[in-house]
Amino acid sequence: MSGKKLSITDPTGTVQGLNTNVRYEKMDRDEAPKIEHRVGDIVVNFRSVHDDVVLLEGMIKKLWVDDQGVV
């Protein structure tokens, strides 16, 4: 899906500098886009962590479970 374009403006003029063009995409899809950030020359990624252990793809799964823990 291609992104949508829109403009955010303040017609009242009460917020200075609030006139910008933005683009957004629907994020509720099966595979979320990979987001990267650079710290100097190093690429860092936003990942899930549990008890200081980085959880990689395939290390967890989600299931429907009731209040007694029955799957």
N, C-alpha and C. Protein backbone atom coordinates (compact mmCIF):
# COMPACT_ATOMS: atom_id res chain seq x y z
N MET A 1 0.84 -1.17 0.00
CA MET A 1 0.00 0.00 0.00
C MET A 1 0.88 1.23 0.00
N SER A 2 0.54 2.16 -0.82
CA SER A 2 1.32 3.39 -0.83
C SER A 2 0.86 4.30 0.29
N GLY A 3 1.75 5.19 0.71
CA GLY A 3 1.44 6.10 1.79
C GLY A 3 0.46 7.18 1.38
N LYS A 4 -0.21 7.74 2.34
CA LYS A 4 -1.14 8.84 2.12
C LYS A 4 -0.46 10.15 2.49
N LYS A 5 -0.77 11.21 1.80
CA LYS A 5 -0.19 12.51 2.09
C LYS A 5 -1.26 13.41 2.70
N LEU A 6 -0.89 14.19 3.70
CA LEU A 6 -1.80 15.16 4.27
C LEU A 6 -1.00 16.31 4.86
N SER A 7 -1.70 17.38 5.16
CA SER A 7 -1.06 18.55 5.77
C SER A 7 -1.67 18.79 7.13
N ILE A 8 -0.84 19.14 8.10
CA ILE A 8 -1.30 19.52 9.43
C ILE A 8 -1.07 21.02 9.55
N THR A 9 -2.14 21.74 9.81
CA THR A 9 -2.04 23.19 9.94
C THR A 9 -2.82 23.65 11.16
N ASP A 10 -2.56 24.85 11.61
CA ASP A 10 -3.27 25.46 12.73
C ASP A 10 -4.03 26.67 12.18
N PRO A 11 -5.31 26.50 11.85
CA PRO A 11 -6.05 27.62 11.26
C PRO A 11 -6.24 28.78 12.24
N THR A 12 -6.13 28.53 13.55
CA THR A 12 -6.32 29.61 14.52
C THR A 12 -5.06 30.45 14.68
N GLY A 13 -3.91 29.88 14.32
CA GLY A 13 -2.66 30.61 14.45
C GLY A 13 -2.12 30.66 15.87
N THR A 14 -2.67 29.84 16.77
CA THR A 14 -2.23 29.85 18.17
C THR A 14 -0.94 29.06 18.40
N VAL A 15 -0.65 28.11 17.54
CA VAL A 15 0.57 27.32 17.67
C VAL A 15 1.51 27.72 16.54
N GLN A 16 2.55 28.45 16.88
CA GLN A 16 3.48 28.91 15.85
C GLN A 16 4.25 27.74 15.27
N GLY A 17 4.44 27.75 13.97
CA GLY A 17 5.23 26.72 13.31
C GLY A 17 4.47 25.44 13.04
N LEU A 18 3.17 25.39 13.35
CA LEU A 18 2.41 24.17 13.12
C LEU A 18 1.79 24.20 11.73
N ASN A 19 2.62 24.08 10.75
CA ASN A 19 2.21 23.93 9.36
C ASN A 19 3.21 22.97 8.75
N THR A 20 2.80 21.73 8.55
CA THR A 20 3.73 20.73 8.05
C THR A 20 3.02 19.74 7.14
N ASN A 21 3.76 19.17 6.24
CA ASN A 21 3.27 18.10 5.38
C ASN A 21 3.75 16.78 5.95
N VAL A 22 2.88 15.79 6.00
CA VAL A 22 3.25 14.48 6.53
C VAL A 22 2.79 13.40 5.57
N ARG A 23 3.34 12.21 5.78
CA ARG A 23 2.95 11.04 5.00
C ARG A 23 2.79 9.89 5.98
N TYR A 24 1.76 9.10 5.83
CA TYR A 24 1.55 7.99 6.74
C TYR A 24 1.17 6.74 5.97
N GLU A 25 1.40 5.59 6.62
CA GLU A 25 1.03 4.31 6.05
C GLU A 25 0.27 3.51 7.08
N LYS A 26 -0.59 2.67 6.64
CA LYS A 26 -1.33 1.77 7.52
C LYS A 26 -0.33 0.77 8.12
N MET A 27 -0.33 0.63 9.45
CA MET A 27 0.66 -0.21 10.11
C MET A 27 0.11 -1.56 10.57
N ASP A 28 -1.18 -1.81 10.40
CA ASP A 28 -1.75 -3.07 10.88
C ASP A 28 -1.71 -4.14 9.80
N ARG A 29 -0.53 -4.54 9.45
CA ARG A 29 -0.36 -5.58 8.45
C ARG A 29 0.40 -6.73 9.07
N ASP A 30 0.50 -7.83 8.37
CA ASP A 30 1.15 -9.02 8.93
C ASP A 30 2.59 -8.76 9.32
N GLU A 31 3.33 -8.11 8.46
CA GLU A 31 4.74 -7.88 8.73
C GLU A 31 4.98 -6.38 8.86
N ALA A 32 5.37 -5.97 10.05
CA ALA A 32 5.64 -4.55 10.28
C ALA A 32 6.97 -4.17 9.61
N PRO A 33 7.09 -2.95 9.16
CA PRO A 33 8.35 -2.55 8.54
C PRO A 33 9.48 -2.53 9.57
N LYS A 34 10.66 -2.91 9.13
CA LYS A 34 11.83 -2.91 10.00
C LYS A 34 12.31 -1.47 10.18
N ILE A 35 12.49 -1.06 11.42
CA ILE A 35 12.93 0.30 11.71
C ILE A 35 14.36 0.24 12.21
N GLU A 36 15.24 1.02 11.58
CA GLU A 36 16.64 1.06 11.97
C GLU A 36 17.01 2.46 12.45
N HIS A 37 18.00 2.51 13.29
CA HIS A 37 18.53 3.78 13.76
C HIS A 37 20.04 3.68 13.73
N ARG A 38 20.70 4.74 13.37
CA ARG A 38 22.17 4.75 13.32
C ARG A 38 22.74 5.54 14.48
N VAL A 39 23.72 4.96 15.12
CA VAL A 39 24.50 5.64 16.15
C VAL A 39 25.92 5.69 15.62
N GLY A 40 26.28 6.83 15.05
CA GLY A 40 27.56 6.92 14.35
C GLY A 40 27.48 6.07 13.10
N ASP A 41 28.41 5.12 12.97
CA ASP A 41 28.41 4.20 11.83
C ASP A 41 27.73 2.87 12.14
N ILE A 42 27.24 2.71 13.37
CA ILE A 42 26.65 1.45 13.80
C ILE A 42 25.13 1.51 13.65
N VAL A 43 24.55 0.45 13.05
CA VAL A 43 23.10 0.36 12.92
C VAL A 43 22.56 -0.39 14.13
N VAL A 44 21.59 0.22 14.83
CA VAL A 44 20.95 -0.44 15.96
C VAL A 44 19.48 -0.65 15.62
N ASN A 45 18.88 -1.72 16.15
CA ASN A 45 17.49 -2.08 15.87
C ASN A 45 16.69 -2.11 17.15
N PHE A 46 15.40 -1.82 17.04
CA PHE A 46 14.48 -1.89 18.16
C PHE A 46 14.04 -3.34 18.29
N ARG A 47 14.37 -3.98 19.40
CA ARG A 47 14.05 -5.40 19.58
C ARG A 47 13.41 -5.64 20.93
N SER A 48 12.75 -6.78 21.06
CA SER A 48 12.15 -7.18 22.33
C SER A 48 13.23 -7.78 23.22
N VAL A 49 13.16 -7.45 24.52
CA VAL A 49 14.14 -7.96 25.49
C VAL A 49 13.37 -8.44 26.72
N HIS A 50 13.79 -9.59 27.27
CA HIS A 50 13.20 -10.12 28.51
C HIS A 50 14.32 -10.56 29.42
N ASP A 51 14.36 -10.04 30.64
CA ASP A 51 15.42 -10.34 31.61
C ASP A 51 16.80 -10.15 30.99
N ASP A 52 16.98 -9.03 30.29
CA ASP A 52 18.24 -8.65 29.66
C ASP A 52 18.70 -9.62 28.57
N VAL A 53 17.79 -10.45 28.06
CA VAL A 53 18.09 -11.35 26.95
C VAL A 53 17.34 -10.82 25.73
N VAL A 54 18.06 -10.59 24.64
CA VAL A 54 17.44 -10.11 23.41
C VAL A 54 16.67 -11.26 22.78
N LEU A 55 15.36 -11.03 22.53
CA LEU A 55 14.51 -12.06 21.94
C LEU A 55 14.55 -11.90 20.42
N LEU A 56 15.09 -12.91 19.76
CA LEU A 56 15.18 -12.89 18.31
C LEU A 56 13.95 -13.55 17.70
N GLU A 57 13.79 -13.41 16.39
CA GLU A 57 12.64 -13.99 15.70
C GLU A 57 12.58 -15.50 15.93
N GLY A 58 11.42 -16.00 16.28
CA GLY A 58 11.24 -17.43 16.53
C GLY A 58 11.43 -17.84 17.97
N MET A 59 11.85 -16.92 18.85
CA MET A 59 12.08 -17.27 20.25
C MET A 59 10.80 -17.20 21.08
N ILE A 60 9.79 -16.51 20.60
CA ILE A 60 8.52 -16.42 21.33
C ILE A 60 7.38 -16.70 20.38
N LYS A 61 6.21 -17.01 20.94
CA LYS A 61 5.01 -17.16 20.15
C LYS A 61 3.83 -16.68 20.98
N LYS A 62 2.75 -16.31 20.31
CA LYS A 62 1.55 -15.85 20.98
C LYS A 62 0.43 -16.86 20.76
N LEU A 63 -0.28 -17.18 21.84
CA LEU A 63 -1.38 -18.13 21.77
C LEU A 63 -2.57 -17.57 22.54
N TRP A 64 -3.77 -18.08 22.24
CA TRP A 64 -4.95 -17.72 23.01
C TRP A 64 -4.96 -18.56 24.28
N VAL A 65 -4.99 -17.91 25.45
CA VAL A 65 -4.92 -18.59 26.74
C VAL A 65 -5.99 -18.01 27.65
N ASP A 66 -6.68 -18.92 28.43
CA ASP A 66 -7.68 -18.42 29.37
C ASP A 66 -7.02 -18.03 30.69
N ASP A 67 -7.83 -17.60 31.67
CA ASP A 67 -7.29 -17.13 32.95
C ASP A 67 -6.59 -18.22 33.75
N GLN A 68 -6.89 -19.50 33.47
CA GLN A 68 -6.24 -20.60 34.17
C GLN A 68 -4.96 -21.05 33.46
N GLY A 69 -4.61 -20.45 32.35
CA GLY A 69 -3.41 -20.80 31.63
C GLY A 69 -3.61 -21.92 30.63
N VAL A 70 -4.84 -22.28 30.35
CA VAL A 70 -5.13 -23.35 29.39
C VAL A 70 -5.11 -22.75 27.99
N VAL A 71 -4.34 -23.40 27.10
CA VAL A 71 -4.23 -22.92 25.72
C VAL A 71 -5.46 -23.34 24.95
